[in-house]
């Protein structure tokens, strides 16, 4: 979520490109893909999907 410079209103809602979770900070990006992620887990899951796995399984941290 991006708060306005004066802090009085929400400028825009920013969501993880993988799971849709609302991101309050700057989020995480990878060098290979211009997507915004909420966690390392979402990055690993997305990389598996991009590699062709239909139903990636990762342990929850």
C-alpha atoms as a PDB file:
ATOM      1  CA  UNK A   1       0.000   0.000   0.000  1.00  0.00           C
ATOM      2  CA  UNK A   2       1.424   3.369  -0.911  1.00  0.00           C
ATOM      3  CA  UNK A   3       0.474   6.102   1.524  1.00  0.00           C
ATOM      4  CA  UNK A   4       0.363   9.686   0.302  1.00  0.00           C
ATOM      5  CA  UNK A   5       3.347  11.918   1.103  1.00  0.00           C
ATOM      6  CA  UNK A   6       1.346  13.742   3.771  1.00  0.00           C
ATOM      7  CA  UNK A   7       0.056  10.443   5.222  1.00  0.00           C
ATOM      8  CA  UNK A   8      -3.639  11.294   5.035  1.00  0.00           C
ATOM      9  CA  UNK A   9      -4.845   8.879   2.366  1.00  0.00           C
ATOM     10  CA  UNK A  10      -3.898   5.762   0.427  1.00  0.00           C
ATOM     11  CA  UNK A  11      -2.281   6.764  -2.854  1.00  0.00           C
ATOM     12  CA  UNK A  12      -2.637   3.302  -4.418  1.00  0.00           C
ATOM     13  CA  UNK A  13      -2.954  -0.315  -3.417  1.00  0.00           C
ATOM     14  CA  UNK A  14       0.065  -2.467  -4.324  1.00  0.00           C
ATOM     15  CA  UNK A  15      -0.429  -6.228  -4.397  1.00  0.00           C
ATOM     16  CA  UNK A  16       1.922  -9.187  -4.792  1.00  0.00           C
ATOM     17  CA  UNK A  17       1.928 -10.332  -8.421  1.00  0.00           C
ATOM     18  CA  UNK A  18       1.936 -13.941  -7.253  1.00  0.00           C
ATOM     19  CA  UNK A  19      -0.557 -14.259  -4.398  1.00  0.00           C
ATOM     20  CA  UNK A  20      -2.332 -10.898  -4.326  1.00  0.00           C
ATOM     21  CA  UNK A  21      -1.346 -10.025  -0.761  1.00  0.00           C
ATOM     22  CA  UNK A  22      -1.350  -6.296  -0.035  1.00  0.00           C
ATOM     23  CA  UNK A  23       2.240  -4.997   0.176  1.00  0.00           C
ATOM     24  CA  UNK A  24       2.784  -2.213   2.711  1.00  0.00           C
ATOM     25  CA  UNK A  25       6.481  -1.584   2.029  1.00  0.00           C
ATOM     26  CA  UNK A  26       8.535  -1.609  -1.139  1.00  0.00           C
ATOM     27  CA  UNK A  27       8.142  -5.347  -1.817  1.00  0.00           C
ATOM     28  CA  UNK A  28      10.689  -7.617  -3.517  1.00  0.00           C
ATOM     29  CA  UNK A  29      11.693  -7.790  -7.173  1.00  0.00           C
ATOM     30  CA  UNK A  30      13.793 -10.231  -9.150  1.00  0.00           C
ATOM     31  CA  UNK A  31      16.311  -9.369 -11.834  1.00  0.00           C
ATOM     32  CA  UNK A  32      14.815 -11.858 -14.285  1.00  0.00           C
ATOM     33  CA  UNK A  33      11.223 -10.626 -14.092  1.00  0.00           C
ATOM     34  CA  UNK A  34       9.716  -7.197 -13.507  1.00  0.00           C
ATOM     35  CA  UNK A  35       7.137  -8.350 -10.982  1.00  0.00           C
ATOM     36  CA  UNK A  36       6.587  -7.300  -7.375  1.00  0.00           C
ATOM     37  CA  UNK A  37       6.473  -9.975  -4.672  1.00  0.00           C
ATOM     38  CA  UNK A  38       5.639  -9.996  -0.959  1.00  0.00           C
ATOM     39  CA  UNK A  39       8.115 -12.708   0.126  1.00  0.00           C
ATOM     40  CA  UNK A  40      10.939 -15.016  -0.895  1.00  0.00           C
ATOM     41  CA  UNK A  41       8.403 -17.871  -0.902  1.00  0.00           C
ATOM     42  CA  UNK A  42       6.355 -16.155  -3.617  1.00  0.00           C
ATOM     43  CA  UNK A  43       9.499 -15.575  -5.678  1.00  0.00           C
ATOM     44  CA  UNK A  44      10.454 -19.283  -5.447  1.00  0.00           C
ATOM     45  CA  UNK A  45       6.898 -20.370  -6.312  1.00  0.00           C
ATOM     46  CA  UNK A  46       6.770 -18.038  -9.316  1.00  0.00           C
ATOM     47  CA  UNK A  47      10.162 -19.262 -10.567  1.00  0.00           C
ATOM     48  CA  UNK A  48       8.886 -22.846 -10.468  1.00  0.00           C
ATOM     49  CA  UNK A  49       5.779 -21.838 -12.429  1.00  0.00           C
ATOM     50  CA  UNK A  50       7.889 -19.989 -14.987  1.00  0.00           C
ATOM     51  CA  UNK A  51      10.055 -23.129 -15.333  1.00  0.00           C
ATOM     52  CA  UNK A  52       6.971 -25.091 -16.392  1.00  0.00           C
ATOM     53  CA  UNK A  53       5.755 -26.822 -13.230  1.00  0.00           C
ATOM     54  CA  UNK A  54       1.967 -26.979 -13.268  1.00  0.00           C
ATOM     55  CA  UNK A  55       1.448 -27.358  -9.503  1.00  0.00           C
ATOM     56  CA  UNK A  56       4.591 -26.309  -7.605  1.00  0.00           C
ATOM     57  CA  UNK A  57       4.853 -27.432  -4.009  1.00  0.00           C
ATOM     58  CA  UNK A  58       7.015 -25.558  -1.519  1.00  0.00           C
ATOM     59  CA  UNK A  59       7.190 -25.928   2.252  1.00  0.00           C
ATOM     60  CA  UNK A  60       5.616 -23.063   4.160  1.00  0.00           C
ATOM     61  CA  UNK A  61       8.104 -21.096   6.182  1.00  0.00           C
END
